[in-house]
Amino acid sequence: MAADGSAPRFGLALRPMMVPKPQTRVLLLLAIASTAGLFAGLGTYTFTYAHGLSYFSNDPRACMNCHIMREQFDGWQKSPHHAVASCNDCHTPHDFIGKYLTKAENGYWHSKGFTLQDFHEPIMIRQKNVAVLQKNCVACHEQIVDGINTHPGNPQKMLDCLHCHRDVGHGPTR
């Protein structure tokens, strides 16, 4: 009922908002601050422990922060590409934004996989990253592959570089 005794205009009577007691508000703020602090602390510890800043560099040793990549690193050092290409040259897009978005996405999947131990062994490249690798192979070897690439600009129909040259970047593995 409205104050004048008539029916409410919109069918619902307005109820006063329930305002939590000051003690409840303080406890709620403490819980939120504690949770945020816990996540910030764990995130900072994990980032520091995992040498997180090293992943922003072009240093191939950063890829070896995870022991699982030791074999790939060792293979790369013995490969023909060792003198001319690092991990990022092949495995990330060459534009600034694409490079760091790919690094962030891969970082998420790598940290999830290693934390939960739910990665395939031996480690395998994801299909999305195969496309990046293929594009980079063609870009670097454009003069050589131009004559044999029957579908330029269409990565789905291009010859797959890895089909014949699987061991070029990392040398023979397993």
C-alpha atoms as a PDB file:
ATOM      1  CA  MET A   1       0.000   0.000   0.000  1.00  0.00           C
ATOM      2  CA  ALA A   2       1.095   3.499  -0.777  1.00  0.00           C
ATOM      3  CA  ALA A   3       1.263   6.129   1.974  1.00  0.00           C
ATOM      4  CA  ASP A   4      -2.118   7.546   0.963  1.00  0.00           C
ATOM      5  CA  GLY A   5      -3.785   4.130   1.217  1.00  0.00           C
ATOM      6  CA  SER A   6      -4.000   3.460  -2.527  1.00  0.00           C
ATOM      7  CA  ALA A   7      -2.491   0.473  -4.327  1.00  0.00           C
ATOM      8  CA  PRO A   8       1.148   0.804  -5.387  1.00  0.00           C
ATOM      9  CA  ARG A   9       1.531   2.225  -8.856  1.00  0.00           C
ATOM     10  CA  PHE A  10       3.789  -0.500 -10.310  1.00  0.00           C
ATOM     11  CA  GLY A  11       2.361  -3.410  -8.394  1.00  0.00           C
ATOM     12  CA  LEU A  12       5.234  -3.643  -5.907  1.00  0.00           C
ATOM     13  CA  ALA A  13       5.615  -1.825  -2.691  1.00  0.00           C
ATOM     14  CA  LEU A  14       9.070  -0.357  -2.233  1.00  0.00           C
ATOM     15  CA  ARG A  15      10.858  -1.888   0.708  1.00  0.00           C
ATOM     16  CA  PRO A  16      13.631  -0.139   2.521  1.00  0.00           C
ATOM     17  CA  MET A  17      17.063  -1.478   1.440  1.00  0.00           C
ATOM     18  CA  MET A  18      18.662  -3.813   3.886  1.00  0.00           C
ATOM     19  CA  VAL A  19      21.844  -2.105   5.019  1.00  0.00           C
ATOM     20  CA  PRO A  20      24.370  -4.419   6.622  1.00  0.00           C
ATOM     21  CA  LYS A  21      25.536  -3.604  10.101  1.00  0.00           C
ATOM     22  CA  PRO A  22      28.906  -1.852  10.347  1.00  0.00           C
ATOM     23  CA  GLN A  23      30.523  -4.988  11.818  1.00  0.00           C
ATOM     24  CA  THR A  24      29.271  -7.051   8.860  1.00  0.00           C
ATOM     25  CA  ARG A  25      30.635  -4.530   6.380  1.00  0.00           C
ATOM     26  CA  VAL A  26      34.051  -4.588   8.049  1.00  0.00           C
ATOM     27  CA  LEU A  27      34.122  -8.409   7.971  1.00  0.00           C
ATOM     28  CA  LEU A  28      33.071  -8.422   4.324  1.00  0.00           C
ATOM     29  CA  LEU A  29      35.795  -5.919   3.392  1.00  0.00           C
ATOM     30  CA  LEU A  30      38.371  -7.946   5.336  1.00  0.00           C
ATOM     31  CA  ALA A  31      37.321 -11.121   3.504  1.00  0.00           C
ATOM     32  CA  ILE A  32      37.571  -9.405   0.117  1.00  0.00           C
ATOM     33  CA  ALA A  33      40.942  -7.826   0.962  1.00  0.00           C
ATOM     34  CA  SER A  34      42.294 -11.139   2.292  1.00  0.00           C
ATOM     35  CA  THR A  35      41.185 -13.025  -0.814  1.00  0.00           C
ATOM     36  CA  ALA A  36      42.655 -10.377  -3.123  1.00  0.00           C
ATOM     37  CA  GLY A  37      45.886 -10.380  -1.103  1.00  0.00           C
ATOM     38  CA  LEU A  38      46.098 -14.167  -1.240  1.00  0.00           C
ATOM     39  CA  PHE A  39      45.701 -14.213  -5.035  1.00  0.00           C
ATOM     40  CA  ALA A  40      48.160 -11.322  -5.474  1.00  0.00           C
ATOM     41  CA  GLY A  41      50.701 -13.019  -3.198  1.00  0.00           C
ATOM     42  CA  LEU A  42      50.393 -16.411  -4.868  1.00  0.00           C
ATOM     43  CA  GLY A  43      50.526 -14.812  -8.308  1.00  0.00           C
ATOM     44  CA  THR A  44      53.631 -12.806  -7.434  1.00  0.00           C
ATOM     45  CA  TYR A  45      55.344 -15.836  -5.890  1.00  0.00           C
ATOM     46  CA  THR A  46      54.517 -18.026  -8.905  1.00  0.00           C
ATOM     47  CA  PHE A  47      55.626 -15.349 -11.398  1.00  0.00           C
ATOM     48  CA  THR A  48      58.902 -14.882  -9.488  1.00  0.00           C
ATOM     49  CA  TYR A  49      59.516 -18.628  -8.998  1.00  0.00           C
ATOM     50  CA  ALA A  50      58.840 -19.314 -12.696  1.00  0.00           C
ATOM     51  CA  HIS A  51      61.164 -16.460 -13.804  1.00  0.00           C
ATOM     52  CA  GLY A  52      58.155 -14.774 -15.434  1.00  0.00           C
ATOM     53  CA  LEU A  53      60.005 -11.702 -16.698  1.00  0.00           C
ATOM     54  CA  SER A  54      62.360 -13.882 -18.721  1.00  0.00           C
ATOM     55  CA  TYR A  55      59.473 -14.865 -21.003  1.00  0.00           C
ATOM     56  CA  PHE A  56      59.268 -11.286 -22.276  1.00  0.00           C
ATOM     57  CA  SER A  57      62.776 -11.601 -23.716  1.00  0.00           C
ATOM     58  CA  ASN A  58      64.045 -13.241 -26.892  1.00  0.00           C
ATOM     59  CA  ASP A  59      66.523 -15.369 -24.928  1.00  0.00           C
ATOM     60  CA  PRO A  60      66.002 -19.044 -25.851  1.00  0.00           C
ATOM     61  CA  ARG A  61      67.072 -20.073 -22.336  1.00  0.00           C
ATOM     62  CA  ALA A  62      63.755 -18.690 -21.080  1.00  0.00           C
ATOM     63  CA  CYS A  63      62.009 -21.562 -22.838  1.00  0.00           C
ATOM     64  CA  MET A  64      64.119 -23.919 -20.773  1.00  0.00           C
ATOM     65  CA  ASN A  65      62.769 -22.609 -17.456  1.00  0.00           C
ATOM     66  CA  CYS A  66      60.546 -25.670 -17.575  1.00  0.00           C
ATOM     67  CA  HIS A  67      62.603 -28.845 -17.507  1.00  0.00           C
ATOM     68  CA  ILE A  68      60.298 -30.423 -20.091  1.00  0.00           C
ATOM     69  CA  MET A  69      61.745 -28.142 -22.792  1.00  0.00           C
ATOM     70  CA  ARG A  70      65.372 -29.202 -22.200  1.00  0.00           C
ATOM     71  CA  GLU A  71      65.311 -31.689 -25.093  1.00  0.00           C
ATOM     72  CA  GLN A  72      63.908 -29.081 -27.516  1.00  0.00           C
ATOM     73  CA  PHE A  73      66.515 -26.529 -26.414  1.00  0.00           C
ATOM     74  CA  ASP A  74      69.358 -29.031 -26.811  1.00  0.00           C
ATOM     75  CA  GLY A  75      68.010 -30.031 -30.230  1.00  0.00           C
ATOM     76  CA  TRP A  76      67.774 -26.384 -31.304  1.00  0.00           C
ATOM     77  CA  GLN A  77      71.423 -25.805 -30.314  1.00  0.00           C
ATOM     78  CA  LYS A  78      72.458 -28.621 -32.695  1.00  0.00           C
ATOM     79  CA  SER A  79      70.083 -27.611 -35.489  1.00  0.00           C
ATOM     80  CA  PRO A  80      70.857 -25.649 -38.654  1.00  0.00           C
ATOM     81  CA  HIS A  81      68.636 -22.816 -37.362  1.00  0.00           C
ATOM     82  CA  HIS A  82      70.683 -22.229 -34.200  1.00  0.00           C
ATOM     83  CA  ALA A  83      72.794 -19.505 -35.805  1.00  0.00           C
ATOM     84  CA  VAL A  84      69.913 -17.663 -37.483  1.00  0.00           C
ATOM     85  CA  ALA A  85      66.715 -18.099 -35.455  1.00  0.00           C
ATOM     86  CA  SER A  86      65.631 -18.202 -31.832  1.00  0.00           C
ATOM     87  CA  CYS A  87      62.422 -19.625 -30.370  1.00  0.00           C
ATOM     88  CA  ASN A  88      60.423 -16.449 -30.982  1.00  0.00           C
ATOM     89  CA  ASP A  89      61.496 -16.205 -34.610  1.00  0.00           C
ATOM     90  CA  CYS A  90      59.687 -19.455 -35.357  1.00  0.00           C
ATOM     91  CA  HIS A  91      57.060 -19.832 -32.648  1.00  0.00           C
ATOM     92  CA  THR A  92      55.523 -16.359 -32.349  1.00  0.00           C
ATOM     93  CA  PRO A  93      54.046 -13.922 -34.868  1.00  0.00           C
ATOM     94  CA  HIS A  94      56.460 -11.194 -35.899  1.00  0.00           C
ATOM     95  CA  ASP A  95      54.150  -8.277 -35.064  1.00  0.00           C
ATOM     96  CA  PHE A  96      54.390  -6.818 -31.538  1.00  0.00           C
ATOM     97  CA  ILE A  97      50.808  -7.437 -30.417  1.00  0.00           C
ATOM     98  CA  GLY A  98      50.549 -10.906 -31.969  1.00  0.00           C
ATOM     99  CA  LYS A  99      53.851 -11.923 -30.421  1.00  0.00           C
ATOM    100  CA  TYR A 100      52.887 -11.007 -26.872  1.00  0.00           C
ATOM    101  CA  LEU A 101      49.321 -12.298 -27.177  1.00  0.00           C
ATOM    102  CA  THR A 102      50.725 -15.642 -28.332  1.00  0.00           C
ATOM    103  CA  LYS A 103      53.272 -15.616 -25.516  1.00  0.00           C
ATOM    104  CA  ALA A 104      50.504 -14.881 -22.985  1.00  0.00           C
ATOM    105  CA  GLU A 105      48.230 -17.610 -24.317  1.00  0.00           C
ATOM    106  CA  ASN A 106      51.029 -20.161 -24.464  1.00  0.00           C
ATOM    107  CA  GLY A 107      52.189 -19.093 -21.013  1.00  0.00           C
ATOM    108  CA  TYR A 108      48.730 -19.757 -19.634  1.00  0.00           C
ATOM    109  CA  TRP A 109      48.497 -23.229 -21.205  1.00  0.00           C
ATOM    110  CA  HIS A 110      52.079 -24.121 -20.235  1.00  0.00           C
ATOM    111  CA  SER A 111      51.668 -23.035 -16.613  1.00  0.00           C
ATOM    112  CA  LYS A 112      48.311 -24.821 -16.371  1.00  0.00           C
ATOM    113  CA  GLY A 113      49.765 -27.980 -17.883  1.00  0.00           C
ATOM    114  CA  PHE A 114      52.845 -28.028 -15.676  1.00  0.00           C
ATOM    115  CA  THR A 115      50.931 -27.096 -12.528  1.00  0.00           C
ATOM    116  CA  LEU A 116      48.235 -29.741 -13.019  1.00  0.00           C
ATOM    117  CA  GLN A 117      50.592 -32.192 -14.756  1.00  0.00           C
ATOM    118  CA  ASP A 118      48.046 -32.706 -17.555  1.00  0.00           C
ATOM    119  CA  PHE A 119      50.277 -32.141 -20.594  1.00  0.00           C
ATOM    120  CA  HIS A 120      51.120 -34.672 -23.277  1.00  0.00           C
ATOM    121  CA  GLU A 121      54.589 -36.130 -23.117  1.00  0.00           C
ATOM    122  CA  PRO A 122      56.548 -35.761 -25.279  1.00  0.00           C
ATOM    123  CA  ILE A 123      55.365 -32.174 -25.442  1.00  0.00           C
ATOM    124  CA  MET A 124      53.415 -31.399 -28.609  1.00  0.00           C
ATOM    125  CA  ILE A 125      52.752 -28.173 -30.448  1.00  0.00           C
ATOM    126  CA  ARG A 126      49.120 -27.050 -30.543  1.00  0.00           C
ATOM    127  CA  GLN A 127      47.399 -26.671 -33.920  1.00  0.00           C
ATOM    128  CA  LYS A 128      47.112 -22.887 -33.533  1.00  0.00           C
ATOM    129  CA  ASN A 129      50.882 -22.694 -33.034  1.00  0.00           C
ATOM    130  CA  VAL A 130      51.508 -24.952 -36.026  1.00  0.00           C
ATOM    131  CA  ALA A 131      49.839 -22.265 -38.166  1.00  0.00           C
ATOM    132  CA  VAL A 132      52.159 -19.596 -36.686  1.00  0.00           C
ATOM    133  CA  LEU A 133      55.179 -21.813 -37.303  1.00  0.00           C
ATOM    134  CA  GLN A 134      54.116 -22.504 -40.907  1.00  0.00           C
ATOM    135  CA  LYS A 135      53.607 -18.808 -41.616  1.00  0.00           C
ATOM    136  CA  ASN A 136      57.042 -17.983 -40.196  1.00  0.00           C
ATOM    137  CA  CYS A 137      58.747 -20.760 -42.194  1.00  0.00           C
ATOM    138  CA  VAL A 138      57.245 -19.423 -45.415  1.00  0.00           C
ATOM    139  CA  ALA A 139      58.086 -15.811 -44.518  1.00  0.00           C
ATOM    140  CA  CYS A 140      61.762 -16.576 -43.854  1.00  0.00           C
ATOM    141  CA  HIS A 141      62.179 -18.924 -46.815  1.00  0.00           C
ATOM    142  CA  GLU A 142      59.898 -17.045 -49.204  1.00  0.00           C
ATOM    143  CA  GLN A 143      62.419 -16.896 -52.058  1.00  0.00           C
ATOM    144  CA  ILE A 144      62.949 -20.654 -51.912  1.00  0.00           C
ATOM    145  CA  VAL A 145      59.340 -21.793 -51.465  1.00  0.00           C
ATOM    146  CA  ASP A 146      57.740 -19.243 -53.782  1.00  0.00           C
ATOM    147  CA  GLY A 147      58.175 -21.527 -56.784  1.00  0.00           C
ATOM    148  CA  ILE A 148      56.741 -24.600 -55.056  1.00  0.00           C
ATOM    149  CA  ASN A 149      53.937 -22.910 -53.145  1.00  0.00           C
ATOM    150  CA  THR A 150      50.926 -23.551 -55.356  1.00  0.00           C
ATOM    151  CA  HIS A 151      48.486 -21.802 -52.992  1.00  0.00           C
ATOM    152  CA  PRO A 152      50.105 -18.559 -51.805  1.00  0.00           C
ATOM    153  CA  GLY A 153      48.113 -16.792 -49.114  1.00  0.00           C
ATOM    154  CA  ASN A 154      46.038 -19.876 -48.280  1.00  0.00           C
ATOM    155  CA  PRO A 155      47.735 -21.652 -45.338  1.00  0.00           C
ATOM    156  CA  GLN A 156      45.197 -24.504 -45.388  1.00  0.00           C
ATOM    157  CA  LYS A 157      46.232 -25.548 -48.897  1.00  0.00           C
ATOM    158  CA  MET A 158      49.944 -24.754 -48.677  1.00  0.00           C
ATOM    159  CA  LEU A 159      52.533 -27.455 -48.493  1.00  0.00           C
ATOM    160  CA  ASP A 160      53.211 -28.286 -44.847  1.00  0.00           C
ATOM    161  CA  CYS A 161      56.828 -27.401 -44.093  1.00  0.00           C
ATOM    162  CA  LEU A 162      56.901 -29.698 -41.059  1.00  0.00           C
ATOM    163  CA  HIS A 163      55.858 -32.704 -43.108  1.00  0.00           C
ATOM    164  CA  CYS A 164      59.353 -32.952 -44.585  1.00  0.00           C
ATOM    165  CA  HIS A 165      61.357 -30.703 -42.262  1.00  0.00           C
ATOM    166  CA  ARG A 166      60.142 -31.739 -38.809  1.00  0.00           C
ATOM    167  CA  ASP A 167      63.659 -31.959 -37.347  1.00  0.00           C
ATOM    168  CA  VAL A 168      65.094 -28.739 -38.824  1.00  0.00           C
ATOM    169  CA  GLY A 169      64.284 -26.420 -35.906  1.00  0.00           C
ATOM    170  CA  HIS A 170      65.062 -28.744 -33.028  1.00  0.00           C
ATOM    171  CA  GLY A 171      67.171 -31.465 -34.583  1.00  0.00           C
ATOM    172  CA  PRO A 172      66.167 -35.114 -34.238  1.00  0.00           C
ATOM    173  CA  THR A 173      64.120 -35.730 -31.094  1.00  0.00           C
ATOM    174  CA  ARG A 174      63.495 -39.090 -29.491  1.00  0.00           C
END
